[in-house]
Amino acid sequence: MSKTEKPAVVPQAAGSKAAKPVEAVVYLGPAIPKLVSHGTVFSDGKIPAYLEARAKKIPAIRGLIVPVSRYAEAAKELRSPGRLKTLYDAVLKEV
């Protein structure tokens, strides 16, 4: 593109709202063999079907998936007694 050309603008349909950016999430639970590792990031912000299926059997898994913006805080929380540590231990017992 030359200096005089302007970038293309894609018009939006009337009344459409701009899509909200999706925040990635990270799994902070223990590794589940052949399924997921501690620290796995899901960039689309959704729990994949294979992990959702396991979460039906071990509901604590859902509580260990946090937005990446909360990663540092949640990782720190895992090191002391509390909700996340309890969830982590519950998943660990099941795997």
PDB file of N, CA and C in Angstrom:
ATOM      1  N   MET A   1       0.852  -1.158   0.000  1.00  0.00           N
ATOM      2  CA  MET A   1       0.000   0.000   0.000  1.00  0.00           C
ATOM      3  C   MET A   1       0.902   1.227   0.000  1.00  0.00           C
ATOM      4  N   SER A   2       0.612   2.178  -0.895  1.00  0.00           N
ATOM      5  CA  SER A   2       1.415   3.394  -0.942  1.00  0.00           C
ATOM      6  C   SER A   2       0.970   4.333   0.171  1.00  0.00           C
ATOM      7  N   LYS A   3       1.721   5.407   0.364  1.00  0.00           N
ATOM      8  CA  LYS A   3       1.415   6.367   1.434  1.00  0.00           C
ATOM      9  C   LYS A   3       0.092   7.087   1.197  1.00  0.00           C
ATOM     10  N   THR A   4      -0.347   7.160  -0.035  1.00  0.00           N
ATOM     11  CA  THR A   4      -1.584   7.887  -0.327  1.00  0.00           C
ATOM     12  C   THR A   4      -2.817   7.000  -0.240  1.00  0.00           C
ATOM     13  N   GLU A   5      -2.634   5.680  -0.275  1.00  0.00           N
ATOM     14  CA  GLU A   5      -3.780   4.781  -0.180  1.00  0.00           C
ATOM     15  C   GLU A   5      -4.243   4.674   1.261  1.00  0.00           C
ATOM     16  N   LYS A   6      -5.534   4.559   1.436  1.00  0.00           N
ATOM     17  CA  LYS A   6      -6.097   4.389   2.774  1.00  0.00           C
ATOM     18  C   LYS A   6      -6.460   2.921   2.951  1.00  0.00           C
ATOM     19  N   PRO A   7      -6.370   2.412   4.177  1.00  0.00           N
ATOM     20  CA  PRO A   7      -6.751   1.021   4.398  1.00  0.00           C
ATOM     21  C   PRO A   7      -8.237   0.829   4.114  1.00  0.00           C
ATOM     22  N   ALA A   8      -8.573  -0.344   3.651  1.00  0.00           N
ATOM     23  CA  ALA A   8      -9.975  -0.640   3.339  1.00  0.00           C
ATOM     24  C   ALA A   8     -10.795  -0.654   4.624  1.00  0.00           C
ATOM     25  N   VAL A   9     -11.991  -0.124   4.540  1.00  0.00           N
ATOM     26  CA  VAL A   9     -12.912  -0.128   5.672  1.00  0.00           C
ATOM     27  C   VAL A   9     -14.074  -1.018   5.299  1.00  0.00           C
ATOM     28  N   VAL A  10     -14.359  -1.980   6.166  1.00  0.00           N
ATOM     29  CA  VAL A  10     -15.462  -2.895   5.910  1.00  0.00           C
ATOM     30  C   VAL A  10     -16.683  -2.346   6.625  1.00  0.00           C
ATOM     31  N   PRO A  11     -17.723  -1.978   5.868  1.00  0.00           N
ATOM     32  CA  PRO A  11     -18.907  -1.436   6.526  1.00  0.00           C
ATOM     33  C   PRO A  11     -19.631  -2.511   7.328  1.00  0.00           C
ATOM     34  N   GLN A  12     -20.183  -2.095   8.475  1.00  0.00           N
ATOM     35  CA  GLN A  12     -20.958  -3.019   9.291  1.00  0.00           C
ATOM     36  C   GLN A  12     -22.423  -2.872   8.931  1.00  0.00           C
ATOM     37  N   ALA A  13     -23.149  -3.942   9.104  1.00  0.00           N
ATOM     38  CA  ALA A  13     -24.582  -3.907   8.835  1.00  0.00           C
ATOM     39  C   ALA A  13     -25.247  -2.931   9.796  1.00  0.00           C
ATOM     40  N   ALA A  14     -26.289  -2.260   9.332  1.00  0.00           N
ATOM     41  CA  ALA A  14     -27.005  -1.308  10.174  1.00  0.00           C
ATOM     42  C   ALA A  14     -27.512  -1.997  11.422  1.00  0.00           C
ATOM     43  N   GLY A  15     -27.285  -1.369  12.558  1.00  0.00           N
ATOM     44  CA  GLY A  15     -27.762  -1.898  13.820  1.00  0.00           C
ATOM     45  C   GLY A  15     -26.894  -2.990  14.418  1.00  0.00           C
ATOM     46  N   SER A  16     -25.821  -3.395  13.740  1.00  0.00           N
ATOM     47  CA  SER A  16     -24.977  -4.446  14.305  1.00  0.00           C
ATOM     48  C   SER A  16     -24.026  -3.837  15.325  1.00  0.00           C
ATOM     49  N   LYS A  17     -23.744  -4.617  16.336  1.00  0.00           N
ATOM     50  CA  LYS A  17     -22.832  -4.167  17.383  1.00  0.00           C
ATOM     51  C   LYS A  17     -21.466  -4.776  17.118  1.00  0.00           C
ATOM     52  N   ALA A  18     -20.442  -4.049  17.493  1.00  0.00           N
ATOM     53  CA  ALA A  18     -19.092  -4.578  17.339  1.00  0.00           C
ATOM     54  C   ALA A  18     -18.940  -5.782  18.259  1.00  0.00           C
ATOM     55  N   ALA A  19     -18.279  -6.809  17.782  1.00  0.00           N
ATOM     56  CA  ALA A  19     -18.080  -8.009  18.586  1.00  0.00           C
ATOM     57  C   ALA A  19     -17.149  -7.705  19.748  1.00  0.00           C
ATOM     58  N   LYS A  20     -17.539  -8.192  20.932  1.00  0.00           N
ATOM     59  CA  LYS A  20     -16.679  -8.028  22.102  1.00  0.00           C
ATOM     60  C   LYS A  20     -15.482  -8.946  21.956  1.00  0.00           C
ATOM     61  N   PRO A  21     -14.303  -8.446  22.270  1.00  0.00           N
ATOM     62  CA  PRO A  21     -13.143  -9.335  22.193  1.00  0.00           C
ATOM     63  C   PRO A  21     -13.282 -10.448  23.235  1.00  0.00           C
ATOM     64  N   VAL A  22     -12.889 -11.644  22.863  1.00  0.00           N
ATOM     65  CA  VAL A  22     -12.988 -12.795  23.748  1.00  0.00           C
ATOM     66  C   VAL A  22     -11.674 -12.937  24.499  1.00  0.00           C
ATOM     67  N   GLU A  23     -11.769 -13.068  25.806  1.00  0.00           N
ATOM     68  CA  GLU A  23     -10.556 -13.228  26.600  1.00  0.00           C
ATOM     69  C   GLU A  23     -10.215 -14.709  26.719  1.00  0.00           C
ATOM     70  N   ALA A  24      -8.959 -15.014  26.536  1.00  0.00           N
ATOM     71  CA  ALA A  24      -8.486 -16.382  26.677  1.00  0.00           C
ATOM     72  C   ALA A  24      -8.606 -16.807  28.138  1.00  0.00           C
ATOM     73  N   VAL A  25      -8.729 -18.119  28.343  1.00  0.00           N
ATOM     74  CA  VAL A  25      -8.788 -18.671  29.691  1.00  0.00           C
ATOM     75  C   VAL A  25      -7.661 -19.676  29.861  1.00  0.00           C
ATOM     76  N   VAL A  26      -7.297 -19.928  31.111  1.00  0.00           N
ATOM     77  CA  VAL A  26      -6.200 -20.847  31.404  1.00  0.00           C
ATOM     78  C   VAL A  26      -6.666 -21.861  32.447  1.00  0.00           C
ATOM     79  N   TYR A  27      -6.240 -23.107  32.263  1.00  0.00           N
ATOM     80  CA  TYR A  27      -6.565 -24.189  33.197  1.00  0.00           C
ATOM     81  C   TYR A  27      -5.480 -24.248  34.253  1.00  0.00           C
ATOM     82  N   LEU A  28      -5.865 -24.108  35.521  1.00  0.00           N
ATOM     83  CA  LEU A  28      -4.894 -24.098  36.610  1.00  0.00           C
ATOM     84  C   LEU A  28      -4.910 -25.370  37.438  1.00  0.00           C
ATOM     85  N   GLY A  29      -5.643 -26.366  36.998  1.00  0.00           N
ATOM     86  CA  GLY A  29      -5.715 -27.620  37.739  1.00  0.00           C
ATOM     87  C   GLY A  29      -4.521 -28.518  37.456  1.00  0.00           C
ATOM     88  N   PRO A  30      -4.522 -29.673  38.124  1.00  0.00           N
ATOM     89  CA  PRO A  30      -3.431 -30.628  37.886  1.00  0.00           C
ATOM     90  C   PRO A  30      -3.545 -31.230  36.491  1.00  0.00           C
ATOM     91  N   ALA A  31      -2.450 -31.735  35.992  1.00  0.00           N
ATOM     92  CA  ALA A  31      -2.464 -32.392  34.680  1.00  0.00           C
ATOM     93  C   ALA A  31      -3.394 -33.592  34.718  1.00  0.00           C
ATOM     94  N   ILE A  32      -4.181 -33.738  33.672  1.00  0.00           N
ATOM     95  CA  ILE A  32      -5.041 -34.906  33.512  1.00  0.00           C
ATOM     96  C   ILE A  32      -4.474 -35.643  32.304  1.00  0.00           C
ATOM     97  N   PRO A  33      -3.850 -36.791  32.544  1.00  0.00           N
ATOM     98  CA  PRO A  33      -3.168 -37.496  31.456  1.00  0.00           C
ATOM     99  C   PRO A  33      -4.025 -37.663  30.203  1.00  0.00           C
ATOM    100  N   LYS A  34      -3.386 -37.395  29.078  1.00  0.00           N
ATOM    101  CA  LYS A  34      -3.992 -37.507  27.742  1.00  0.00           C
ATOM    102  C   LYS A  34      -5.177 -36.567  27.538  1.00  0.00           C
ATOM    103  N   LEU A  35      -5.291 -35.509  28.397  1.00  0.00           N
ATOM    104  CA  LEU A  35      -6.417 -34.604  28.265  1.00  0.00           C
ATOM    105  C   LEU A  35      -5.978 -33.143  28.316  1.00  0.00           C
ATOM    106  N   VAL A  36      -5.346 -32.739  29.417  1.00  0.00           N
ATOM    107  CA  VAL A  36      -4.967 -31.336  29.584  1.00  0.00           C
ATOM    108  C   VAL A  36      -3.825 -31.223  30.597  1.00  0.00           C
ATOM    109  N   SER A  37      -2.968 -30.238  30.392  1.00  0.00           N
ATOM    110  CA  SER A  37      -1.858 -29.971  31.302  1.00  0.00           C
ATOM    111  C   SER A  37      -2.138 -28.713  32.098  1.00  0.00           C
ATOM    112  N   HIS A  38      -1.509 -28.621  33.257  1.00  0.00           N
ATOM    113  CA  HIS A  38      -1.594 -27.399  34.052  1.00  0.00           C
ATOM    114  C   HIS A  38      -1.059 -26.237  33.209  1.00  0.00           C
ATOM    115  N   GLY A  39      -1.792 -25.148  33.177  1.00  0.00           N
ATOM    116  CA  GLY A  39      -1.346 -23.975  32.441  1.00  0.00           C
ATOM    117  C   GLY A  39      -1.779 -23.924  30.986  1.00  0.00           C
ATOM    118  N   THR A  40      -2.596 -24.879  30.550  1.00  0.00           N
ATOM    119  CA  THR A  40      -3.071 -24.862  29.165  1.00  0.00           C
ATOM    120  C   THR A  40      -3.969 -23.657  28.942  1.00  0.00           C
ATOM    121  N   VAL A  41      -3.721 -22.922  27.863  1.00  0.00           N
ATOM    122  CA  VAL A  41      -4.496 -21.727  27.540  1.00  0.00           C
ATOM    123  C   VAL A  41      -5.450 -22.059  26.394  1.00  0.00           C
ATOM    124  N   PHE A  42      -6.699 -21.628  26.554  1.00  0.00           N
ATOM    125  CA  PHE A  42      -7.707 -21.782  25.510  1.00  0.00           C
ATOM    126  C   PHE A  42      -8.004 -20.387  24.989  1.00  0.00           C
ATOM    127  N   SER A  43      -7.475 -20.080  23.807  1.00  0.00           N
ATOM    128  CA  SER A  43      -7.511 -18.709  23.293  1.00  0.00           C
ATOM    129  C   SER A  43      -8.898 -18.224  22.907  1.00  0.00           C
ATOM    130  N   ASP A  44      -9.829 -19.137  22.662  1.00  0.00           N
ATOM    131  CA  ASP A  44     -11.176 -18.699  22.282  1.00  0.00           C
ATOM    132  C   ASP A  44     -12.076 -18.443  23.487  1.00  0.00           C
ATOM    133  N   GLY A  45     -11.533 -18.643  24.688  1.00  0.00           N
ATOM    134  CA  GLY A  45     -12.295 -18.371  25.903  1.00  0.00           C
ATOM    135  C   GLY A  45     -13.309 -19.428  26.265  1.00  0.00           C
ATOM    136  N   LYS A  46     -13.304 -20.539  25.547  1.00  0.00           N
ATOM    137  CA  LYS A  46     -14.274 -21.611  25.785  1.00  0.00           C
ATOM    138  C   LYS A  46     -13.565 -22.878  26.237  1.00  0.00           C
ATOM    139  N   ILE A  47     -14.300 -23.663  27.022  1.00  0.00           N
ATOM    140  CA  ILE A  47     -13.787 -24.965  27.427  1.00  0.00           C
ATOM    141  C   ILE A  47     -14.049 -25.926  26.268  1.00  0.00           C
ATOM    142  N   PRO A  48     -13.016 -26.612  25.773  1.00  0.00           N
ATOM    143  CA  PRO A  48     -13.226 -27.539  24.662  1.00  0.00           C
ATOM    144  C   PRO A  48     -14.142 -28.705  25.078  1.00  0.00           C
ATOM    145  N   ALA A  49     -14.798 -29.302  24.120  1.00  0.00           N
ATOM    146  CA  ALA A  49     -15.758 -30.379  24.376  1.00  0.00           C
ATOM    147  C   ALA A  49     -15.138 -31.537  25.162  1.00  0.00           C
ATOM    148  N   TYR A  50     -13.898 -31.914  24.844  1.00  0.00           N
ATOM    149  CA  TYR A  50     -13.272 -33.041  25.540  1.00  0.00           C
ATOM    150  C   TYR A  50     -13.066 -32.749  27.022  1.00  0.00           C
ATOM    151  N   LEU A  51     -12.790 -31.478  27.359  1.00  0.00           N
ATOM    152  CA  LEU A  51     -12.608 -31.113  28.766  1.00  0.00           C
ATOM    153  C   LEU A  51     -13.966 -30.914  29.446  1.00  0.00           C
ATOM    154  N   GLU A  52     -14.912 -30.405  28.711  1.00  0.00           N
ATOM    155  CA  GLU A  52     -16.275 -30.244  29.239  1.00  0.00           C
ATOM    156  C   GLU A  52     -16.858 -31.603  29.610  1.00  0.00           C
ATOM    157  N   ALA A  53     -16.599 -32.621  28.798  1.00  0.00           N
ATOM    158  CA  ALA A  53     -17.085 -33.965  29.092  1.00  0.00           C
ATOM    159  C   ALA A  53     -16.508 -34.468  30.414  1.00  0.00           C
ATOM    160  N   ARG A  54     -15.221 -34.212  30.639  1.00  0.00           N
ATOM    161  CA  ARG A  54     -14.606 -34.636  31.899  1.00  0.00           C
ATOM    162  C   ARG A  54     -15.124 -33.795  33.064  1.00  0.00           C
ATOM    163  N   ALA A  55     -15.420 -32.517  32.809  1.00  0.00           N
ATOM    164  CA  ALA A  55     -15.934 -31.634  33.859  1.00  0.00           C
ATOM    165  C   ALA A  55     -17.320 -32.075  34.335  1.00  0.00           C
ATOM    166  N   LYS A  56     -18.038 -32.807  33.505  1.00  0.00           N
ATOM    167  CA  LYS A  56     -19.337 -33.347  33.940  1.00  0.00           C
ATOM    168  C   LYS A  56     -19.128 -34.396  35.024  1.00  0.00           C
ATOM    169  N   LYS A  57     -18.003 -35.105  34.950  1.00  0.00           N
ATOM    170  CA  LYS A  57     -17.673 -36.125  35.953  1.00  0.00           C
ATOM    171  C   LYS A  57     -16.943 -35.514  37.145  1.00  0.00           C
ATOM    172  N   ILE A  58     -16.159 -34.465  36.885  1.00  0.00           N
ATOM    173  CA  ILE A  58     -15.383 -33.788  37.940  1.00  0.00           C
ATOM    174  C   ILE A  58     -15.689 -32.295  37.852  1.00  0.00           C
ATOM    175  N   PRO A  59     -16.785 -31.839  38.446  1.00  0.00           N
ATOM    176  CA  PRO A  59     -17.206 -30.439  38.322  1.00  0.00           C
ATOM    177  C   PRO A  59     -16.162 -29.407  38.791  1.00  0.00           C
ATOM    178  N   ALA A  60     -15.262 -29.800  39.671  1.00  0.00           N
ATOM    179  CA  ALA A  60     -14.242 -28.875  40.177  1.00  0.00           C
ATOM    180  C   ALA A  60     -13.356 -28.335  39.060  1.00  0.00           C
ATOM    181  N   ILE A  61     -13.282 -29.038  37.938  1.00  0.00           N
ATOM    182  CA  ILE A  61     -12.458 -28.601  36.800  1.00  0.00           C
ATOM    183  C   ILE A  61     -12.870 -27.207  36.351  1.00  0.00           C
ATOM    184  N   ARG A  62     -14.178 -26.955  36.281  1.00  0.00           N
ATOM    185  CA  ARG A  62     -14.667 -25.651  35.805  1.00  0.00           C
ATOM    186  C   ARG A  62     -14.164 -24.499  36.669  1.00  0.00           C
ATOM    187  N   GLY A  63     -14.039 -24.733  37.962  1.00  0.00           N
ATOM    188  CA  GLY A  63     -13.568 -23.684  38.867  1.00  0.00           C
ATOM    189  C   GLY A  63     -12.094 -23.374  38.730  1.00  0.00           C
ATOM    190  N   LEU A  64     -11.372 -24.239  38.035  1.00  0.00           N
ATOM    191  CA  LEU A  64      -9.937 -24.046  37.849  1.00  0.00           C
ATOM    192  C   LEU A  64      -9.595 -23.472  36.485  1.00  0.00           C
ATOM    193  N   ILE A  65     -10.605 -23.024  35.775  1.00  0.00           N
ATOM    194  CA  ILE A  65     -10.401 -22.359  34.490  1.00  0.00           C
ATOM    195  C   ILE A  65     -10.720 -20.891  34.704  1.00  0.00           C
ATOM    196  N   VAL A  66      -9.687 -20.067  34.580  1.00  0.00           N
ATOM    197  CA  VAL A  66      -9.829 -18.636  34.884  1.00  0.00           C
ATOM    198  C   VAL A  66      -9.381 -17.786  33.693  1.00  0.00           C
ATOM    199  N   PRO A  67      -9.891 -16.560  33.591  1.00  0.00           N
ATOM    200  CA  PRO A  67      -9.413 -15.662  32.530  1.00  0.00           C
ATOM    201  C   PRO A  67      -7.914 -15.402  32.711  1.00  0.00           C
ATOM    202  N   VAL A  68      -7.209 -15.259  31.605  1.00  0.00           N
ATOM    203  CA  VAL A  68      -5.762 -15.016  31.699  1.00  0.00           C
ATOM    204  C   VAL A  68      -5.455 -13.725  32.460  1.00  0.00           C
ATOM    205  N   SER A  69      -6.375 -12.789  32.468  1.00  0.00           N
ATOM    206  CA  SER A  69      -6.147 -11.547  33.211  1.00  0.00           C
ATOM    207  C   SER A  69      -6.100 -11.799  34.718  1.00  0.00           C
ATOM    208  N   ARG A  70      -6.629 -12.931  35.179  1.00  0.00           N
ATOM    209  CA  ARG A  70      -6.598 -13.290  36.594  1.00  0.00           C
ATOM    210  C   ARG A  70      -5.537 -14.338  36.893  1.00  0.00           C
ATOM    211  N   TYR A  71      -4.727 -14.703  35.913  1.00  0.00           N
ATOM    212  CA  TYR A  71      -3.767 -15.797  36.082  1.00  0.00           C
ATOM    213  C   TYR A  71      -2.842 -15.612  37.283  1.00  0.00           C
ATOM    214  N   ALA A  72      -2.175 -14.484  37.376  1.00  0.00           N
ATOM    215  CA  ALA A  72      -1.208 -14.272  38.452  1.00  0.00           C
ATOM    216  C   ALA A  72      -1.872 -14.350  39.822  1.00  0.00           C
ATOM    217  N   GLU A  73      -3.011 -13.720  39.939  1.00  0.00           N
ATOM    218  CA  GLU A  73      -3.751 -13.724  41.205  1.00  0.00           C
ATOM    219  C   GLU A  73      -4.191 -15.152  41.563  1.00  0.00           C
ATOM    220  N   ALA A  74      -4.731 -15.871  40.597  1.00  0.00           N
ATOM    221  CA  ALA A  74      -5.220 -17.228  40.841  1.00  0.00           C
ATOM    222  C   ALA A  74      -4.067 -18.188  41.148  1.00  0.00           C
ATOM    223  N   ALA A  75      -2.947 -18.049  40.459  1.00  0.00           N
ATOM    224  CA  ALA A  75      -1.791 -18.909  40.713  1.00  0.00           C
ATOM    225  C   ALA A  75      -1.288 -18.703  42.131  1.00  0.00           C
ATOM    226  N   LYS A  76      -1.299 -17.472  42.593  1.00  0.00           N
ATOM    227  CA  LYS A  76      -0.889 -17.166  43.962  1.00  0.00           C
ATOM    228  C   LYS A  76      -1.879 -17.784  44.955  1.00  0.00           C
ATOM    229  N   GLU A  77      -3.151 -17.696  44.617  1.00  0.00           N
ATOM    230  CA  GLU A  77      -4.209 -18.252  45.465  1.00  0.00           C
ATOM    231  C   GLU A  77      -4.073 -19.774  45.604  1.00  0.00           C
ATOM    232  N   LEU A  78      -3.574 -20.433  44.580  1.00  0.00           N
ATOM    233  CA  LEU A  78      -3.396 -21.892  44.624  1.00  0.00           C
ATOM    234  C   LEU A  78      -2.381 -22.324  45.681  1.00  0.00           C
ATOM    235  N   ARG A  79      -1.470 -21.439  46.022  1.00  0.00           N
ATOM    236  CA  ARG A  79      -0.406 -21.793  46.960  1.00  0.00           C
ATOM    237  C   ARG A  79      -0.817 -21.681  48.423  1.00  0.00           C
ATOM    238  N   SER A  80      -2.032 -21.236  48.692  1.00  0.00           N
ATOM    239  CA  SER A  80      -2.476 -21.116  50.074  1.00  0.00           C
ATOM    240  C   SER A  80      -3.869 -21.730  50.209  1.00  0.00           C
ATOM    241  N   PRO A  81      -4.232 -22.137  51.431  1.00  0.00           N
ATOM    242  CA  PRO A  81      -5.557 -22.738  51.624  1.00  0.00           C
ATOM    243  C   PRO A  81      -6.666 -21.792  51.168  1.00  0.00           C
ATOM    244  N   GLY A  82      -7.662 -22.352  50.541  1.00  0.00           N
ATOM    245  CA  GLY A  82      -8.768 -21.543  50.046  1.00  0.00           C
ATOM    246  C   GLY A  82      -9.533 -22.290  48.969  1.00  0.00           C
ATOM    247  N   ARG A  83     -10.419 -21.579  48.304  1.00  0.00           N
ATOM    248  CA  ARG A  83     -11.307 -22.169  47.307  1.00  0.00           C
ATOM    249  C   ARG A  83     -10.559 -22.863  46.173  1.00  0.00           C
ATOM    250  N   LEU A  84      -9.606 -22.170  45.534  1.00  0.00           N
ATOM    251  CA  LEU A  84      -8.905 -22.773  44.396  1.00  0.00           C
ATOM    252  C   LEU A  84      -8.074 -23.980  44.809  1.00  0.00           C
ATOM    253  N   LYS A  85      -7.438 -23.900  45.953  1.00  0.00           N
ATOM    254  CA  LYS A  85      -6.632 -25.030  46.446  1.00  0.00           C
ATOM    255  C   LYS A  85      -7.528 -26.235  46.718  1.00  0.00           C
ATOM    256  N   THR A  86      -8.719 -25.986  47.260  1.00  0.00           N
ATOM    257  CA  THR A  86      -9.675 -27.065  47.516  1.00  0.00           C
ATOM    258  C   THR A  86     -10.122 -27.710  46.206  1.00  0.00           C
ATOM    259  N   LEU A  87     -10.412 -26.888  45.197  1.00  0.00           N
ATOM    260  CA  LEU A  87     -10.806 -27.411  43.886  1.00  0.00           C
ATOM    261  C   LEU A  87      -9.669 -28.218  43.254  1.00  0.00           C
ATOM    262  N   TYR A  88      -8.451 -27.674  43.351  1.00  0.00           N
ATOM    263  CA  TYR A  88      -7.275 -28.351  42.795  1.00  0.00           C
ATOM    264  C   TYR A  88      -7.135 -29.742  43.425  1.00  0.00           C
ATOM    265  N   ASP A  89      -7.233 -29.799  44.748  1.00  0.00           N
ATOM    266  CA  ASP A  89      -7.107 -31.064  45.452  1.00  0.00           C
ATOM    267  C   ASP A  89      -8.212 -32.049  45.079  1.00  0.00           C
ATOM    268  N   ALA A  90      -9.436 -31.526  44.862  1.00  0.00           N
ATOM    269  CA  ALA A  90     -10.557 -32.384  44.468  1.00  0.00           C
ATOM    270  C   ALA A  90     -10.304 -33.021  43.098  1.00  0.00           C
ATOM    271  N   VAL A  91      -9.775 -32.249  42.169  1.00  0.00           N
ATOM    272  CA  VAL A  91      -9.458 -32.797  40.837  1.00  0.00           C
ATOM    273  C   VAL A  91      -8.319 -33.793  40.947  1.00  0.00           C
ATOM    274  N   LEU A  92      -7.314 -33.458  41.735  1.00  0.00           N
ATOM    275  CA  LEU A  92      -6.153 -34.340  41.907  1.00  0.00           C
ATOM    276  C   LEU A  92      -6.574 -35.704  42.442  1.00  0.00           C
ATOM    277  N   LYS A  93      -7.542 -35.742  43.330  1.00  0.00           N
ATOM    278  CA  LYS A  93      -8.037 -37.016  43.889  1.00  0.00           C
ATOM    279  C   LYS A  93      -8.682 -37.886  42.816  1.00  0.00           C
ATOM    280  N   GLU A  94      -9.271 -37.256  41.805  1.00  0.00           N
ATOM    281  CA  GLU A  94     -10.011 -37.979  40.767  1.00  0.00           C
ATOM    282  C   GLU A  94      -9.158 -38.454  39.599  1.00  0.00           C
ATOM    283  N   VAL A  95      -7.954 -37.916  39.454  1.00  0.00           N
ATOM    284  CA  VAL A  95      -7.128 -38.310  38.296  1.00  0.00           C
ATOM    285  C   VAL A  95      -6.044 -39.288  38.672  1.00  0.00           C
TER     286      VAL A  95
END
